[in-house]
């Protein structure tokens, strides 16, 4: 939930996250600390002060993880590689795959090739 809110907000402070989620500031800080340690989010500066200490802003680190989707259609098989921020890194189509074993083999090969072409480590 917190990661989705950060992604949707582009930049948001911990205080704003607590307000948006209804979670305590301590809980939000603990979750954000883990997200920072794992590289999912980064601190990107300070927000405008409203009389107190300026708030540290957070944003998604788009290259922290990637998702790859495969659509097996009647006419074509479509592949899409997207980053954690939701941006399309690559998209390509190939003729439809009708044989189940061929589909498994081709999808594996296409996934490996697409990650390599995009320079994305397999563990991301």
PDB file of N, CA and C in Angstrom:
ATOM      1  N   UNK A   1       0.826  -1.183   0.000  1.00  0.00           N
ATOM      2  CA  UNK A   1       0.000   0.000   0.000  1.00  0.00           C
ATOM      3  C   UNK A   1       0.881   1.263   0.000  1.00  0.00           C
ATOM      4  N   UNK A   2       1.876   1.310   0.858  1.00  0.00           N
ATOM      5  CA  UNK A   2       2.746   2.489   0.931  1.00  0.00           C
ATOM      6  C   UNK A   2       3.502   2.678  -0.375  1.00  0.00           C
ATOM      7  N   UNK A   3       4.022   1.594  -0.932  1.00  0.00           N
ATOM      8  CA  UNK A   3       4.754   1.687  -2.194  1.00  0.00           C
ATOM      9  C   UNK A   3       3.848   2.199  -3.310  1.00  0.00           C
ATOM     10  N   UNK A   4       2.606   1.728  -3.352  1.00  0.00           N
ATOM     11  CA  UNK A   4       1.655   2.202  -4.369  1.00  0.00           C
ATOM     12  C   UNK A   4       1.380   3.694  -4.223  1.00  0.00           C
ATOM     13  N   UNK A   5       1.241   4.157  -3.000  1.00  0.00           N
ATOM     14  CA  UNK A   5       0.971   5.582  -2.773  1.00  0.00           C
ATOM     15  C   UNK A   5       2.176   6.425  -3.190  1.00  0.00           C
ATOM     16  N   UNK A   6       3.379   5.964  -2.866  1.00  0.00           N
ATOM     17  CA  UNK A   6       4.580   6.704  -3.273  1.00  0.00           C
ATOM     18  C   UNK A   6       4.648   6.769  -4.796  1.00  0.00           C
ATOM     19  N   UNK A   7       4.392   5.636  -5.455  1.00  0.00           N
ATOM     20  CA  UNK A   7       4.450   5.598  -6.925  1.00  0.00           C
ATOM     21  C   UNK A   7       3.413   6.538  -7.535  1.00  0.00           C
ATOM     22  N   UNK A   8       2.205   6.505  -7.013  1.00  0.00           N
ATOM     23  CA  UNK A   8       1.129   7.338  -7.560  1.00  0.00           C
ATOM     24  C   UNK A   8       1.359   8.826  -7.292  1.00  0.00           C
ATOM     25  N   UNK A   9       2.028   9.143  -6.201  1.00  0.00           N
ATOM     26  CA  UNK A   9       2.230  10.545  -5.811  1.00  0.00           C
ATOM     27  C   UNK A   9       3.436  11.197  -6.468  1.00  0.00           C
ATOM     28  N   UNK A  10       4.296  10.403  -7.058  1.00  0.00           N
ATOM     29  CA  UNK A  10       5.566  10.880  -7.630  1.00  0.00           C
ATOM     30  C   UNK A  10       6.560  11.247  -6.534  1.00  0.00           C
ATOM     31  N   UNK A  11       6.207  12.187  -5.655  1.00  0.00           N
ATOM     32  CA  UNK A  11       7.036  12.543  -4.498  1.00  0.00           C
ATOM     33  C   UNK A  11       6.104  12.806  -3.326  1.00  0.00           C
ATOM     34  N   UNK A  12       6.489  12.271  -2.160  1.00  0.00           N
ATOM     35  CA  UNK A  12       5.633  12.407  -0.985  1.00  0.00           C
ATOM     36  C   UNK A  12       6.494  12.291   0.265  1.00  0.00           C
ATOM     37  N   UNK A  13       6.062  12.944   1.331  1.00  0.00           N
ATOM     38  CA  UNK A  13       6.802  12.875   2.598  1.00  0.00           C
ATOM     39  C   UNK A  13       6.236  11.751   3.474  1.00  0.00           C
ATOM     40  N   UNK A  14       6.979  11.396   4.490  1.00  0.00           N
ATOM     41  CA  UNK A  14       6.513  10.380   5.436  1.00  0.00           C
ATOM     42  C   UNK A  14       5.243  10.841   6.149  1.00  0.00           C
ATOM     43  N   UNK A  15       5.190  12.122   6.493  1.00  0.00           N
ATOM     44  CA  UNK A  15       4.004  12.671   7.164  1.00  0.00           C
ATOM     45  C   UNK A  15       2.781  12.521   6.262  1.00  0.00           C
ATOM     46  N   UNK A  16       2.942  12.852   4.989  1.00  0.00           N
ATOM     47  CA  UNK A  16       1.826  12.717   4.045  1.00  0.00           C
ATOM     48  C   UNK A  16       1.433  11.254   3.860  1.00  0.00           C
ATOM     49  N   UNK A  17       2.412  10.351   3.893  1.00  0.00           N
ATOM     50  CA  UNK A  17       2.110   8.918   3.810  1.00  0.00           C
ATOM     51  C   UNK A  17       1.279   8.466   5.001  1.00  0.00           C
ATOM     52  N   UNK A  18       1.644   8.935   6.190  1.00  0.00           N
ATOM     53  CA  UNK A  18       0.885   8.576   7.388  1.00  0.00           C
ATOM     54  C   UNK A  18      -0.553   9.085   7.278  1.00  0.00           C
ATOM     55  N   UNK A  19      -0.713  10.303   6.780  1.00  0.00           N
ATOM     56  CA  UNK A  19      -2.056  10.863   6.611  1.00  0.00           C
ATOM     57  C   UNK A  19      -2.856  10.084   5.571  1.00  0.00           C
ATOM     58  N   UNK A  20      -2.208   9.711   4.474  1.00  0.00           N
ATOM     59  CA  UNK A  20      -2.899   9.011   3.383  1.00  0.00           C
ATOM     60  C   UNK A  20      -3.288   7.584   3.753  1.00  0.00           C
ATOM     61  N   UNK A  21      -2.496   6.947   4.611  1.00  0.00           N
ATOM     62  CA  UNK A  21      -2.742   5.543   4.943  1.00  0.00           C
ATOM     63  C   UNK A  21      -3.482   5.339   6.250  1.00  0.00           C
ATOM     64  N   UNK A  22      -3.432   6.333   7.133  1.00  0.00           N
ATOM     65  CA  UNK A  22      -4.015   6.164   8.457  1.00  0.00           C
ATOM     66  C   UNK A  22      -3.094   5.404   9.405  1.00  0.00           C
ATOM     67  N   UNK A  23      -1.891   5.090   8.947  1.00  0.00           N
ATOM     68  CA  UNK A  23      -0.905   4.417   9.792  1.00  0.00           C
ATOM     69  C   UNK A  23      -0.189   5.441  10.662  1.00  0.00           C
ATOM     70  N   UNK A  24       0.395   4.975  11.748  1.00  0.00           N
ATOM     71  CA  UNK A  24       1.156   5.895  12.596  1.00  0.00           C
ATOM     72  C   UNK A  24       2.436   6.311  11.879  1.00  0.00           C
ATOM     73  N   UNK A  25       2.975   7.451  12.288  1.00  0.00           N
ATOM     74  CA  UNK A  25       4.231   7.906  11.689  1.00  0.00           C
ATOM     75  C   UNK A  25       5.360   6.924  11.971  1.00  0.00           C
ATOM     76  N   UNK A  26       5.330   6.271  13.135  1.00  0.00           N
ATOM     77  CA  UNK A  26       6.367   5.289  13.460  1.00  0.00           C
ATOM     78  C   UNK A  26       6.296   4.094  12.512  1.00  0.00           C
ATOM     79  N   UNK A  27       5.087   3.617  12.236  1.00  0.00           N
ATOM     80  CA  UNK A  27       4.920   2.490  11.311  1.00  0.00           C
ATOM     81  C   UNK A  27       5.378   2.875   9.918  1.00  0.00           C
ATOM     82  N   UNK A  28       4.969   4.050   9.464  1.00  0.00           N
ATOM     83  CA  UNK A  28       5.377   4.524   8.138  1.00  0.00           C
ATOM     84  C   UNK A  28       6.897   4.642   8.076  1.00  0.00           C
ATOM     85  N   UNK A  29       7.505   5.200   9.105  1.00  0.00           N
ATOM     86  CA  UNK A  29       8.967   5.346   9.116  1.00  0.00           C
ATOM     87  C   UNK A  29       9.664   3.993   9.047  1.00  0.00           C
ATOM     88  N   UNK A  30       9.141   2.994   9.757  1.00  0.00           N
ATOM     89  CA  UNK A  30       9.741   1.652   9.715  1.00  0.00           C
ATOM     90  C   UNK A  30       9.620   1.027   8.336  1.00  0.00           C
ATOM     91  N   UNK A  31       8.459   1.149   7.723  1.00  0.00           N
ATOM     92  CA  UNK A  31       8.257   0.588   6.383  1.00  0.00           C
ATOM     93  C   UNK A  31       9.145   1.316   5.378  1.00  0.00           C
ATOM     94  N   UNK A  32       9.178   2.635   5.452  1.00  0.00           N
ATOM     95  CA  UNK A  32       9.999   3.427   4.525  1.00  0.00           C
ATOM     96  C   UNK A  32      11.477   3.093   4.703  1.00  0.00           C
ATOM     97  N   UNK A  33      11.915   2.904   5.934  1.00  0.00           N
ATOM     98  CA  UNK A  33      13.316   2.538   6.173  1.00  0.00           C
ATOM     99  C   UNK A  33      13.663   1.244   5.437  1.00  0.00           C
ATOM    100  N   UNK A  34      12.773   0.255   5.504  1.00  0.00           N
ATOM    101  CA  UNK A  34      13.030  -1.008   4.795  1.00  0.00           C
ATOM    102  C   UNK A  34      13.007  -0.807   3.284  1.00  0.00           C
ATOM    103  N   UNK A  35      12.092   0.018   2.797  1.00  0.00           N
ATOM    104  CA  UNK A  35      12.029   0.296   1.357  1.00  0.00           C
ATOM    105  C   UNK A  35      13.296   1.007   0.882  1.00  0.00           C
ATOM    106  N   UNK A  36      13.819   1.917   1.707  1.00  0.00           N
ATOM    107  CA  UNK A  36      15.077   2.598   1.381  1.00  0.00           C
ATOM    108  C   UNK A  36      16.243   1.607   1.370  1.00  0.00           C
ATOM    109  N   UNK A  37      16.314   0.752   2.395  1.00  0.00           N
ATOM    110  CA  UNK A  37      17.394  -0.243   2.478  1.00  0.00           C
ATOM    111  C   UNK A  37      17.382  -1.191   1.285  1.00  0.00           C
ATOM    112  N   UNK A  38      16.184  -1.558   0.830  1.00  0.00           N
ATOM    113  CA  UNK A  38      16.055  -2.490  -0.298  1.00  0.00           C
ATOM    114  C   UNK A  38      16.145  -1.797  -1.651  1.00  0.00           C
ATOM    115  N   UNK A  39      16.240  -0.452  -1.643  1.00  0.00           N
ATOM    116  CA  UNK A  39      16.412   0.297  -2.880  1.00  0.00           C
ATOM    117  C   UNK A  39      15.139   0.568  -3.662  1.00  0.00           C
ATOM    118  N   UNK A  40      13.970   0.295  -3.070  1.00  0.00           N
ATOM    119  CA  UNK A  40      12.710   0.529  -3.769  1.00  0.00           C
ATOM    120  C   UNK A  40      12.356   2.012  -3.849  1.00  0.00           C
ATOM    121  N   UNK A  41      12.763   2.782  -2.840  1.00  0.00           N
ATOM    122  CA  UNK A  41      12.510   4.224  -2.834  1.00  0.00           C
ATOM    123  C   UNK A  41      13.810   4.961  -2.522  1.00  0.00           C
ATOM    124  N   UNK A  42      13.839   6.236  -2.872  1.00  0.00           N
ATOM    125  CA  UNK A  42      14.987   7.095  -2.572  1.00  0.00           C
ATOM    126  C   UNK A  42      14.480   8.419  -2.011  1.00  0.00           C
ATOM    127  N   UNK A  43      15.323   9.055  -1.211  1.00  0.00           N
ATOM    128  CA  UNK A  43      15.023  10.396  -0.722  1.00  0.00           C
ATOM    129  C   UNK A  43      15.498  11.380  -1.779  1.00  0.00           C
ATOM    130  N   UNK A  44      14.649  12.348  -2.117  1.00  0.00           N
ATOM    131  CA  UNK A  44      14.954  13.235  -3.246  1.00  0.00           C
ATOM    132  C   UNK A  44      14.989  14.709  -2.879  1.00  0.00           C
ATOM    133  N   UNK A  45      15.160  15.019  -1.627  1.00  0.00           N
ATOM    134  CA  UNK A  45      15.245  16.420  -1.252  1.00  0.00           C
ATOM    135  C   UNK A  45      14.219  16.768  -0.203  1.00  0.00           C
ATOM    136  N   UNK A  46      14.005  18.044  -0.066  1.00  0.00           N
ATOM    137  CA  UNK A  46      13.122  18.548   0.987  1.00  0.00           C
ATOM    138  C   UNK A  46      11.925  19.265   0.383  1.00  0.00           C
ATOM    139  N   UNK A  47      10.787  19.091   1.040  1.00  0.00           N
ATOM    140  CA  UNK A  47       9.588  19.817   0.654  1.00  0.00           C
ATOM    141  C   UNK A  47       9.584  21.184   1.307  1.00  0.00           C
ATOM    142  N   UNK A  48       8.648  22.012   0.914  1.00  0.00           N
ATOM    143  CA  UNK A  48       8.535  23.351   1.490  1.00  0.00           C
ATOM    144  C   UNK A  48       8.192  23.244   2.971  1.00  0.00           C
ATOM    145  N   UNK A  49       8.796  24.086   3.762  1.00  0.00           N
ATOM    146  CA  UNK A  49       8.542  24.097   5.197  1.00  0.00           C
ATOM    147  C   UNK A  49       7.203  24.755   5.476  1.00  0.00           C
ATOM    148  N   UNK A  50       6.461  24.181   6.420  1.00  0.00           N
ATOM    149  CA  UNK A  50       5.195  24.784   6.840  1.00  0.00           C
ATOM    150  C   UNK A  50       5.340  25.319   8.261  1.00  0.00           C
ATOM    151  N   UNK A  51       6.539  25.784   8.573  1.00  0.00           N
ATOM    152  CA  UNK A  51       6.802  26.347   9.888  1.00  0.00           C
ATOM    153  C   UNK A  51       7.727  25.489  10.722  1.00  0.00           C
ATOM    154  N   UNK A  52       7.809  24.225  10.417  1.00  0.00           N
ATOM    155  CA  UNK A  52       8.702  23.329  11.152  1.00  0.00           C
ATOM    156  C   UNK A  52       9.847  22.892  10.262  1.00  0.00           C
ATOM    157  N   UNK A  53      10.388  21.743  10.613  1.00  0.00           N
ATOM    158  CA  UNK A  53      11.491  21.171   9.840  1.00  0.00           C
ATOM    159  C   UNK A  53      10.982  20.771   8.451  1.00  0.00           C
ATOM    160  N   UNK A  54      11.711  21.129   7.388  1.00  0.00           N
ATOM    161  CA  UNK A  54      11.278  20.728   6.042  1.00  0.00           C
ATOM    162  C   UNK A  54      11.194  19.200   5.940  1.00  0.00           C
ATOM    163  N   UNK A  55      10.177  18.720   5.264  1.00  0.00           N
ATOM    164  CA  UNK A  55       9.942  17.286   5.134  1.00  0.00           C
ATOM    165  C   UNK A  55      10.795  16.687   4.022  1.00  0.00           C
ATOM    166  N   UNK A  56      11.364  15.529   4.299  1.00  0.00           N
ATOM    167  CA  UNK A  56      12.130  14.802   3.292  1.00  0.00           C
ATOM    168  C   UNK A  56      11.154  14.115   2.344  1.00  0.00           C
ATOM    169  N   UNK A  57      11.363  14.325   1.054  1.00  0.00           N
ATOM    170  CA  UNK A  57      10.481  13.737   0.047  1.00  0.00           C
ATOM    171  C   UNK A  57      11.034  12.404  -0.443  1.00  0.00           C
ATOM    172  N   UNK A  58      10.123  11.508  -0.748  1.00  0.00           N
ATOM    173  CA  UNK A  58      10.456  10.171  -1.232  1.00  0.00           C
ATOM    174  C   UNK A  58       9.880   9.979  -2.618  1.00  0.00           C
ATOM    175  N   UNK A  59      10.551   9.149  -3.406  1.00  0.00           N
ATOM    176  CA  UNK A  59       9.993   8.740  -4.694  1.00  0.00           C
ATOM    177  C   UNK A  59      10.429   7.311  -4.972  1.00  0.00           C
ATOM    178  N   UNK A  60       9.729   6.684  -5.871  1.00  0.00           N
ATOM    179  CA  UNK A  60      10.063   5.330  -6.317  1.00  0.00           C
ATOM    180  C   UNK A  60      11.403   5.366  -7.040  1.00  0.00           C
ATOM    181  N   UNK A  61      12.189   4.320  -6.877  1.00  0.00           N
ATOM    182  CA  UNK A  61      13.401   4.127  -7.684  1.00  0.00           C
ATOM    183  C   UNK A  61      12.999   3.158  -8.792  1.00  0.00           C
ATOM    184  N   UNK A  62      12.704   3.675  -9.988  1.00  0.00           N
ATOM    185  CA  UNK A  62      12.117   2.839 -11.039  1.00  0.00           C
ATOM    186  C   UNK A  62      12.960   1.635 -11.443  1.00  0.00           C
ATOM    187  N   UNK A  63      14.274   1.748 -11.311  1.00  0.00           N
ATOM    188  CA  UNK A  63      15.123   0.640 -11.756  1.00  0.00           C
ATOM    189  C   UNK A  63      15.362  -0.406 -10.665  1.00  0.00           C
ATOM    190  N   UNK A  64      14.664  -0.276  -9.527  1.00  0.00           N
ATOM    191  CA  UNK A  64      14.845  -1.241  -8.437  1.00  0.00           C
ATOM    192  C   UNK A  64      14.317  -2.621  -8.812  1.00  0.00           C
ATOM    193  N   UNK A  65      13.232  -2.668  -9.541  1.00  0.00           N
ATOM    194  CA  UNK A  65      12.632  -3.933  -9.972  1.00  0.00           C
ATOM    195  C   UNK A  65      11.921  -3.719 -11.298  1.00  0.00           C
ATOM    196  N   UNK A  66      11.681  -4.827 -11.968  1.00  0.00           N
ATOM    197  CA  UNK A  66      11.006  -4.811 -13.268  1.00  0.00           C
ATOM    198  C   UNK A  66       9.935  -5.890 -13.290  1.00  0.00           C
ATOM    199  N   UNK A  67       8.971  -5.707 -14.167  1.00  0.00           N
ATOM    200  CA  UNK A  67       7.934  -6.719 -14.393  1.00  0.00           C
ATOM    201  C   UNK A  67       7.897  -7.026 -15.878  1.00  0.00           C
ATOM    202  N   UNK A  68       7.679  -8.274 -16.187  1.00  0.00           N
ATOM    203  CA  UNK A  68       7.575  -8.675 -17.584  1.00  0.00           C
ATOM    204  C   UNK A  68       6.235  -9.369 -17.774  1.00  0.00           C
ATOM    205  N   UNK A  69       5.462  -8.874 -18.722  1.00  0.00           N
ATOM    206  CA  UNK A  69       4.164  -9.463 -19.014  1.00  0.00           C
ATOM    207  C   UNK A  69       4.168 -10.122 -20.376  1.00  0.00           C
ATOM    208  N   UNK A  70       3.423 -11.208 -20.479  1.00  0.00           N
ATOM    209  CA  UNK A  70       3.301 -11.937 -21.736  1.00  0.00           C
ATOM    210  C   UNK A  70       1.820 -12.160 -22.003  1.00  0.00           C
ATOM    211  N   UNK A  71       1.378 -11.750 -23.193  1.00  0.00           N
ATOM    212  CA  UNK A  71       0.001 -11.995 -23.610  1.00  0.00           C
ATOM    213  C   UNK A  71       0.036 -12.981 -24.769  1.00  0.00           C
ATOM    214  N   UNK A  72      -0.570 -14.132 -24.547  1.00  0.00           N
ATOM    215  CA  UNK A  72      -0.646 -15.152 -25.592  1.00  0.00           C
ATOM    216  C   UNK A  72      -1.959 -14.963 -26.336  1.00  0.00           C
ATOM    217  N   UNK A  73      -1.890 -14.351 -27.514  1.00  0.00           N
ATOM    218  CA  UNK A  73      -3.077 -14.100 -28.310  1.00  0.00           C
ATOM    219  C   UNK A  73      -3.211 -15.095 -29.447  1.00  0.00           C
ATOM    220  N   UNK A  74      -4.348 -15.075 -30.102  1.00  0.00           N
ATOM    221  CA  UNK A  74      -4.590 -15.980 -31.226  1.00  0.00           C
ATOM    222  C   UNK A  74      -3.722 -15.615 -32.425  1.00  0.00           C
ATOM    223  N   UNK A  75      -3.442 -14.326 -32.596  1.00  0.00           N
ATOM    224  CA  UNK A  75      -2.672 -13.865 -33.752  1.00  0.00           C
ATOM    225  C   UNK A  75      -1.206 -13.577 -33.444  1.00  0.00           C
ATOM    226  N   UNK A  76      -0.916 -13.242 -32.191  1.00  0.00           N
ATOM    227  CA  UNK A  76       0.457 -12.868 -31.835  1.00  0.00           C
ATOM    228  C   UNK A  76       0.682 -13.065 -30.344  1.00  0.00           C
ATOM    229  N   UNK A  77       1.942 -13.145 -29.981  1.00  0.00           N
ATOM    230  CA  UNK A  77       2.350 -13.160 -28.581  1.00  0.00           C
ATOM    231  C   UNK A  77       3.043 -11.830 -28.323  1.00  0.00           C
ATOM    232  N   UNK A  78       2.564 -11.104 -27.312  1.00  0.00           N
ATOM    233  CA  UNK A  78       3.091  -9.781 -27.006  1.00  0.00           C
ATOM    234  C   UNK A  78       3.834  -9.825 -25.676  1.00  0.00           C
ATOM    235  N   UNK A  79       5.000  -9.199 -25.651  1.00  0.00           N
ATOM    236  CA  UNK A  79       5.837  -9.119 -24.456  1.00  0.00           C
ATOM    237  C   UNK A  79       5.995  -7.650 -24.076  1.00  0.00           C
ATOM    238  N   UNK A  80       5.932  -7.352 -22.776  1.00  0.00           N
ATOM    239  CA  UNK A  80       6.143  -5.988 -22.292  1.00  0.00           C
ATOM    240  C   UNK A  80       7.030  -6.054 -21.050  1.00  0.00           C
ATOM    241  N   UNK A  81       8.099  -5.267 -21.057  1.00  0.00           N
ATOM    242  CA  UNK A  81       8.984  -5.127 -19.904  1.00  0.00           C
ATOM    243  C   UNK A  81       8.765  -3.726 -19.345  1.00  0.00           C
ATOM    244  N   UNK A  82       8.405  -3.636 -18.051  1.00  0.00           N
ATOM    245  CA  UNK A  82       8.135  -2.343 -17.419  1.00  0.00           C
ATOM    246  C   UNK A  82       8.961  -2.210 -16.146  1.00  0.00           C
ATOM    247  N   UNK A  83       9.315  -0.967 -15.813  1.00  0.00           N
ATOM    248  CA  UNK A  83      10.056  -0.738 -14.570  1.00  0.00           C
ATOM    249  C   UNK A  83       9.084  -0.556 -13.406  1.00  0.00           C
ATOM    250  N   UNK A  84       9.620  -0.427 -12.202  1.00  0.00           N
ATOM    251  CA  UNK A  84       8.801  -0.322 -10.999  1.00  0.00           C
ATOM    252  C   UNK A  84       7.892   0.901 -11.019  1.00  0.00           C
ATOM    253  N   UNK A  85       8.297   1.929 -11.731  1.00  0.00           N
ATOM    254  CA  UNK A  85       7.472   3.125 -11.847  1.00  0.00           C
ATOM    255  C   UNK A  85       6.332   2.972 -12.840  1.00  0.00           C
ATOM    256  N   UNK A  86       6.315   1.864 -13.578  1.00  0.00           N
ATOM    257  CA  UNK A  86       5.251   1.606 -14.545  1.00  0.00           C
ATOM    258  C   UNK A  86       5.586   2.006 -15.967  1.00  0.00           C
ATOM    259  N   UNK A  87       6.782   2.533 -16.188  1.00  0.00           N
ATOM    260  CA  UNK A  87       7.173   2.935 -17.544  1.00  0.00           C
ATOM    261  C   UNK A  87       7.552   1.705 -18.363  1.00  0.00           C
ATOM    262  N   UNK A  88       7.112   1.693 -19.616  1.00  0.00           N
ATOM    263  CA  UNK A  88       7.462   0.599 -20.514  1.00  0.00           C
ATOM    264  C   UNK A  88       8.913   0.740 -20.938  1.00  0.00           C
ATOM    265  N   UNK A  89       9.704  -0.294 -20.672  1.00  0.00           N
ATOM    266  CA  UNK A  89      11.109  -0.315 -21.059  1.00  0.00           C
ATOM    267  C   UNK A  89      11.225  -0.864 -22.471  1.00  0.00           C
ATOM    268  N   UNK A  90      10.485  -1.914 -22.750  1.00  0.00           N
ATOM    269  CA  UNK A  90      10.450  -2.460 -24.109  1.00  0.00           C
ATOM    270  C   UNK A  90       9.150  -3.226 -24.315  1.00  0.00           C
ATOM    271  N   UNK A  91       8.783  -3.311 -25.577  1.00  0.00           N
ATOM    272  CA  UNK A  91       7.555  -4.006 -25.966  1.00  0.00           C
ATOM    273  C   UNK A  91       7.816  -4.602 -27.339  1.00  0.00           C
ATOM    274  N   UNK A  92       7.445  -5.853 -27.519  1.00  0.00           N
ATOM    275  CA  UNK A  92       7.639  -6.490 -28.820  1.00  0.00           C
ATOM    276  C   UNK A  92       6.622  -7.604 -29.005  1.00  0.00           C
ATOM    277  N   UNK A  93       6.432  -7.961 -30.267  1.00  0.00           N
ATOM    278  CA  UNK A  93       5.478  -9.017 -30.637  1.00  0.00           C
ATOM    279  C   UNK A  93       6.181 -10.051 -31.493  1.00  0.00           C
ATOM    280  N   UNK A  94       5.644 -11.221 -31.461  1.00  0.00           N
ATOM    281  CA  UNK A  94       6.120 -12.289 -32.331  1.00  0.00           C
ATOM    282  C   UNK A  94       4.898 -13.104 -32.747  1.00  0.00           C
ATOM    283  N   UNK A  95       5.023 -13.930 -33.758  1.00  0.00           N
ATOM    284  CA  UNK A  95       3.872 -14.730 -34.184  1.00  0.00           C
ATOM    285  C   UNK A  95       3.303 -15.551 -33.019  1.00  0.00           C
ATOM    286  N   UNK A  96       2.029 -15.853 -33.128  1.00  0.00           N
ATOM    287  CA  UNK A  96       1.335 -16.601 -32.075  1.00  0.00           C
ATOM    288  C   UNK A  96       2.029 -17.929 -31.789  1.00  0.00           C
ATOM    289  N   UNK A  97       1.988 -18.308 -30.539  1.00  0.00           N
ATOM    290  CA  UNK A  97       2.544 -19.587 -30.103  1.00  0.00           C
ATOM    291  C   UNK A  97       1.380 -20.530 -29.817  1.00  0.00           C
ATOM    292  N   UNK A  98       1.267 -21.577 -30.594  1.00  0.00           N
ATOM    293  CA  UNK A  98       0.116 -22.473 -30.456  1.00  0.00           C
ATOM    294  C   UNK A  98       0.454 -23.777 -29.740  1.00  0.00           C
ATOM    295  N   UNK A  99       1.700 -24.195 -29.797  1.00  0.00           N
ATOM    296  CA  UNK A  99       2.117 -25.427 -29.127  1.00  0.00           C
ATOM    297  C   UNK A  99       2.564 -25.088 -27.702  1.00  0.00           C
ATOM    298  N   UNK A 100       1.986 -25.730 -26.680  1.00  0.00           N
ATOM    299  CA  UNK A 100       2.326 -25.386 -25.293  1.00  0.00           C
ATOM    300  C   UNK A 100       3.817 -25.507 -24.964  1.00  0.00           C
ATOM    301  N   UNK A 101       4.464 -26.571 -25.403  1.00  0.00           N
ATOM    302  CA  UNK A 101       5.888 -26.727 -25.093  1.00  0.00           C
ATOM    303  C   UNK A 101       6.727 -25.666 -25.801  1.00  0.00           C
ATOM    304  N   UNK A 102       6.356 -25.374 -27.053  1.00  0.00           N
ATOM    305  CA  UNK A 102       7.058 -24.318 -27.786  1.00  0.00           C
ATOM    306  C   UNK A 102       6.879 -22.981 -27.066  1.00  0.00           C
ATOM    307  N   UNK A 103       5.665 -22.725 -26.565  1.00  0.00           N
ATOM    308  CA  UNK A 103       5.394 -21.472 -25.859  1.00  0.00           C
ATOM    309  C   UNK A 103       6.300 -21.332 -24.639  1.00  0.00           C
ATOM    310  N   UNK A 104       6.427 -22.396 -23.860  1.00  0.00           N
ATOM    311  CA  UNK A 104       7.289 -22.357 -22.673  1.00  0.00           C
ATOM    312  C   UNK A 104       8.732 -22.066 -23.071  1.00  0.00           C
ATOM    313  N   UNK A 105       9.215 -22.756 -24.087  1.00  0.00           N
ATOM    314  CA  UNK A 105      10.602 -22.568 -24.535  1.00  0.00           C
ATOM    315  C   UNK A 105      10.843 -21.161 -25.069  1.00  0.00           C
ATOM    316  N   UNK A 106       9.936 -20.693 -25.927  1.00  0.00           N
ATOM    317  CA  UNK A 106      10.098 -19.375 -26.548  1.00  0.00           C
ATOM    318  C   UNK A 106       9.989 -18.267 -25.503  1.00  0.00           C
ATOM    319  N   UNK A 107       9.038 -18.388 -24.594  1.00  0.00           N
ATOM    320  CA  UNK A 107       8.882 -17.354 -23.567  1.00  0.00           C
ATOM    321  C   UNK A 107      10.154 -17.258 -22.727  1.00  0.00           C
ATOM    322  N   UNK A 108      10.710 -18.386 -22.331  1.00  0.00           N
ATOM    323  CA  UNK A 108      11.959 -18.368 -21.562  1.00  0.00           C
ATOM    324  C   UNK A 108      13.084 -17.692 -22.315  1.00  0.00           C
ATOM    325  N   UNK A 109      13.218 -18.027 -23.588  1.00  0.00           N
ATOM    326  CA  UNK A 109      14.265 -17.428 -24.421  1.00  0.00           C
ATOM    327  C   UNK A 109      14.037 -15.929 -24.598  1.00  0.00           C
ATOM    328  N   UNK A 110      12.795 -15.550 -24.858  1.00  0.00           N
ATOM    329  CA  UNK A 110      12.465 -14.129 -25.060  1.00  0.00           C
ATOM    330  C   UNK A 110      12.705 -13.319 -23.785  1.00  0.00           C
ATOM    331  N   UNK A 111      12.340 -13.873 -22.641  1.00  0.00           N
ATOM    332  CA  UNK A 111      12.548 -13.170 -21.372  1.00  0.00           C
ATOM    333  C   UNK A 111      14.038 -12.934 -21.144  1.00  0.00           C
ATOM    334  N   UNK A 112      14.830 -13.983 -21.289  1.00  0.00           N
ATOM    335  CA  UNK A 112      16.278 -13.835 -21.101  1.00  0.00           C
ATOM    336  C   UNK A 112      16.865 -12.803 -22.062  1.00  0.00           C
ATOM    337  N   UNK A 113      16.475 -12.876 -23.330  1.00  0.00           N
ATOM    338  CA  UNK A 113      16.988 -11.943 -24.333  1.00  0.00           C
ATOM    339  C   UNK A 113      16.571 -10.515 -24.066  1.00  0.00           C
ATOM    340  N   UNK A 114      15.323 -10.321 -23.646  1.00  0.00           N
ATOM    341  CA  UNK A 114      14.842  -8.957 -23.408  1.00  0.00           C
ATOM    342  C   UNK A 114      15.551  -8.320 -22.224  1.00  0.00           C
ATOM    343  N   UNK A 115      15.778  -9.093 -21.169  1.00  0.00           N
ATOM    344  CA  UNK A 115      16.494  -8.558 -20.014  1.00  0.00           C
ATOM    345  C   UNK A 115      17.923  -8.183 -20.394  1.00  0.00           C
ATOM    346  N   UNK A 116      18.556  -9.037 -21.172  1.00  0.00           N
ATOM    347  CA  UNK A 116      19.928  -8.765 -21.605  1.00  0.00           C
ATOM    348  C   UNK A 116      19.993  -7.516 -22.480  1.00  0.00           C
ATOM    349  N   UNK A 117      19.075  -7.394 -23.453  1.00  0.00           N
ATOM    350  CA  UNK A 117      19.068  -6.223 -24.345  1.00  0.00           C
ATOM    351  C   UNK A 117      18.824  -4.931 -23.572  1.00  0.00           C
ATOM    352  N   UNK A 118      17.976  -5.003 -22.552  1.00  0.00           N
ATOM    353  CA  UNK A 118      17.650  -3.809 -21.765  1.00  0.00           C
ATOM    354  C   UNK A 118      18.691  -3.534 -20.681  1.00  0.00           C
ATOM    355  N   UNK A 119      19.632  -4.451 -20.495  1.00  0.00           N
ATOM    356  CA  UNK A 119      20.639  -4.268 -19.457  1.00  0.00           C
ATOM    357  C   UNK A 119      20.092  -4.440 -18.052  1.00  0.00           C
ATOM    358  N   UNK A 120      19.037  -5.242 -17.923  1.00  0.00           N
ATOM    359  CA  UNK A 120      18.390  -5.459 -16.631  1.00  0.00           C
ATOM    360  C   UNK A 120      18.913  -6.759 -16.016  1.00  0.00           C
ATOM    361  N   UNK A 121      19.478  -6.690 -14.818  1.00  0.00           N
ATOM    362  CA  UNK A 121      19.923  -7.924 -14.161  1.00  0.00           C
ATOM    363  C   UNK A 121      18.734  -8.853 -13.905  1.00  0.00           C
ATOM    364  N   UNK A 122      18.936 -10.132 -14.065  1.00  0.00           N
ATOM    365  CA  UNK A 122      17.851 -11.109 -13.924  1.00  0.00           C
ATOM    366  C   UNK A 122      17.213 -11.070 -12.530  1.00  0.00           C
ATOM    367  N   UNK A 123      17.959 -10.701 -11.511  1.00  0.00           N
ATOM    368  CA  UNK A 123      17.404 -10.689 -10.153  1.00  0.00           C
ATOM    369  C   UNK A 123      16.544  -9.463  -9.861  1.00  0.00           C
ATOM    370  N   UNK A 124      16.378  -8.613 -10.835  1.00  0.00           N
ATOM    371  CA  UNK A 124      15.531  -7.430 -10.634  1.00  0.00           C
ATOM    372  C   UNK A 124      14.195  -7.630 -11.293  1.00  0.00           C
TER     373      UNK A 124
END
